Amino acid sequence: MAGSAARDEFDWHVDGLTAGGVAQRMRITASAVRYYADQGLLPHDRTPSNQRRFHADVLCRVAMIQVAQRVGLSLAEIRDALTALPPGQVPTAEDWQQLSARLKRTLHGRIDEMFNLLDDLANDLAAPVLHT
């Protein structure tokens, strides 16, 4: 994973990055960074000239957002999960473990729901068709 190796080469906890700086480090577009910020996923402050400056946890949050989206979580679910992290601070290992456990519970619930739907479908298909 070349992208993953490249990400290991920079400091993950830089405070004051711009949307462009976050985008460059995470290999996403600046518009995606701004969108995540507008959705309440990336806390930030504004400079006197109204530029966004992101907190030191921003790169970790973007990485978590990317992983959570890959497994099918909605932005609302991701936003809800991210509220468990301390705002504007670098999350501790314990913070990440708690977040991970929360996301696992969400995913396991979704998987259980899918299996139930499959069971319902199988039962519906196995039921005899009544002709009137």
Protein backbone atom coordinates (compact mmCIF):
# COMPACT_ATOMS: atom_id res chain seq x y z
CA MET A 1 0.00 0.00 0.00
CA ALA A 2 2.04 2.88 -1.29
CA GLY A 3 -0.45 5.53 -0.10
CA SER A 4 -0.37 4.13 3.42
CA ALA A 5 3.43 4.11 3.50
CA ALA A 6 3.56 7.72 2.29
CA ARG A 7 1.16 8.78 5.04
CA ASP A 8 3.50 7.30 7.67
CA GLU A 9 6.20 9.77 6.60
CA PHE A 10 4.55 12.89 8.02
CA ASP A 11 3.53 14.13 11.45
CA TRP A 12 -0.08 13.09 12.03
CA HIS A 13 -0.67 15.75 14.68
CA VAL A 14 0.00 19.09 13.02
CA ASP A 15 -2.10 21.95 14.34
CA GLY A 16 -3.27 24.78 12.10
CA LEU A 17 -3.37 23.02 8.74
CA THR A 18 -5.41 24.61 5.97
CA ALA A 19 -7.95 22.62 3.92
CA GLY A 20 -5.30 22.37 1.18
CA GLY A 21 -2.70 21.11 3.64
CA VAL A 22 -5.04 18.43 4.95
CA ALA A 23 -5.99 17.48 1.40
CA GLN A 24 -2.37 17.15 0.30
CA ARG A 25 -1.38 14.96 3.25
CA MET A 26 -4.46 12.73 3.01
CA ARG A 27 -4.57 12.61 -0.80
CA ILE A 28 -8.11 13.90 -1.07
CA THR A 29 -9.49 17.09 -2.54
CA ALA A 30 -9.64 20.34 -0.60
CA SER A 31 -13.36 20.45 -1.42
CA ALA A 32 -13.78 17.08 0.37
CA VAL A 33 -12.03 18.52 3.44
CA ARG A 34 -14.31 21.57 3.38
CA TYR A 35 -17.37 19.33 2.90
CA TYR A 36 -16.41 17.16 5.90
CA ALA A 37 -15.88 20.34 7.92
CA ASP A 38 -19.27 21.72 6.85
CA GLN A 39 -20.86 18.41 7.89
CA GLY A 40 -19.43 18.81 11.41
CA LEU A 41 -16.85 16.03 11.03
CA LEU A 42 -13.71 18.18 11.20
CA PRO A 43 -13.62 20.83 13.93
CA HIS A 44 -11.69 23.95 13.00
CA ASP A 45 -11.18 27.58 13.82
CA ARG A 46 -11.25 30.56 11.47
CA THR A 47 -8.47 33.09 10.98
CA PRO A 48 -9.26 36.83 10.87
CA SER A 49 -9.27 36.45 7.07
CA ASN A 50 -11.89 33.66 7.43
CA GLN A 51 -9.60 30.77 6.44
CA ARG A 52 -10.16 27.46 8.18
CA ARG A 53 -7.38 26.19 10.41
CA PHE A 54 -7.80 22.62 11.51
CA HIS A 55 -6.92 21.17 14.90
CA ALA A 56 -4.11 18.67 15.49
CA ASP A 57 -6.53 15.73 15.32
CA VAL A 58 -7.70 16.45 11.76
CA LEU A 59 -5.55 13.87 9.94
CA CYS A 60 -6.62 11.10 12.32
CA ARG A 61 -10.25 12.11 11.86
CA VAL A 62 -9.97 12.06 8.06
CA ALA A 63 -8.37 8.61 8.18
CA MET A 64 -11.19 7.37 10.41
CA ILE A 65 -13.81 8.91 8.11
CA GLN A 66 -12.26 7.14 5.12
CA VAL A 67 -12.26 3.75 6.85
CA ALA A 68 -15.80 4.20 8.17
CA GLN A 69 -17.07 5.15 4.70
CA ARG A 70 -15.34 2.10 3.21
CA VAL A 71 -17.37 -0.19 5.49
CA GLY A 72 -20.59 1.58 4.58
CA LEU A 73 -21.26 3.97 7.46
CA SER A 74 -23.16 7.13 6.65
CA LEU A 75 -21.76 10.56 7.42
CA ALA A 76 -24.41 10.92 10.12
CA GLU A 77 -23.20 7.70 11.78
CA ILE A 78 -19.59 8.84 11.48
CA ARG A 79 -20.43 12.28 12.92
CA ASP A 80 -22.22 10.64 15.83
CA ALA A 81 -19.22 8.38 16.50
CA LEU A 82 -16.74 11.25 16.28
CA THR A 83 -18.55 13.13 19.04
CA ALA A 84 -16.95 10.64 21.44
CA LEU A 85 -13.49 12.03 20.65
CA PRO A 86 -12.15 15.03 22.57
CA PRO A 87 -12.67 18.08 20.33
CA GLY A 88 -9.52 19.78 19.07
CA GLN A 89 -7.17 17.38 20.82
CA VAL A 90 -5.14 14.47 19.61
CA PRO A 91 -7.11 11.34 20.59
CA THR A 92 -5.42 8.94 22.98
CA ALA A 93 -5.11 5.21 22.37
CA GLU A 94 -8.02 4.74 24.79
CA ASP A 95 -10.14 7.24 22.82
CA TRP A 96 -9.50 5.27 19.61
CA GLN A 97 -10.29 1.96 21.34
CA GLN A 98 -13.61 3.32 22.59
CA LEU A 99 -14.42 4.70 19.14
CA SER A 100 -13.48 1.41 17.51
CA ALA A 101 -15.69 -0.55 19.93
CA ARG A 102 -18.59 1.80 19.20
CA LEU A 103 -18.18 1.42 15.44
CA LYS A 104 -17.90 -2.37 15.78
CA ARG A 105 -21.21 -2.43 17.65
CA THR A 106 -22.82 -0.38 14.89
CA LEU A 107 -21.44 -2.65 12.18
CA HIS A 108 -22.39 -5.85 14.01
CA GLY A 109 -25.93 -4.51 14.38
CA ARG A 110 -26.06 -3.80 10.67
CA ILE A 111 -24.70 -7.26 9.83
CA ASP A 112 -27.30 -8.90 12.10
CA GLU A 113 -30.01 -6.87 10.38
CA MET A 114 -28.79 -8.04 6.96
CA PHE A 115 -28.82 -11.69 8.05
CA ASN A 116 -32.37 -11.25 9.35
CA LEU A 117 -33.41 -9.76 6.00
CA LEU A 118 -31.81 -12.69 4.18
CA ASP A 119 -33.65 -15.13 6.45
CA ASP A 120 -36.94 -13.33 5.79
CA LEU A 121 -36.30 -13.45 2.05
CA ALA A 122 -35.46 -17.15 2.17
CA ASN A 123 -38.64 -17.83 4.16
CA ASP A 124 -40.72 -15.82 1.71
CA LEU A 125 -39.27 -17.74 -1.24
CA ALA A 126 -39.79 -21.08 0.47
CA ALA A 127 -43.46 -20.37 1.25
CA PRO A 128 -45.88 -21.94 -1.19
CA VAL A 129 -47.42 -19.60 -3.70
CA LEU A 130 -51.18 -19.58 -3.40
CA HIS A 131 -53.18 -19.24 -6.60
CA THR A 132 -56.75 -18.07 -6.37
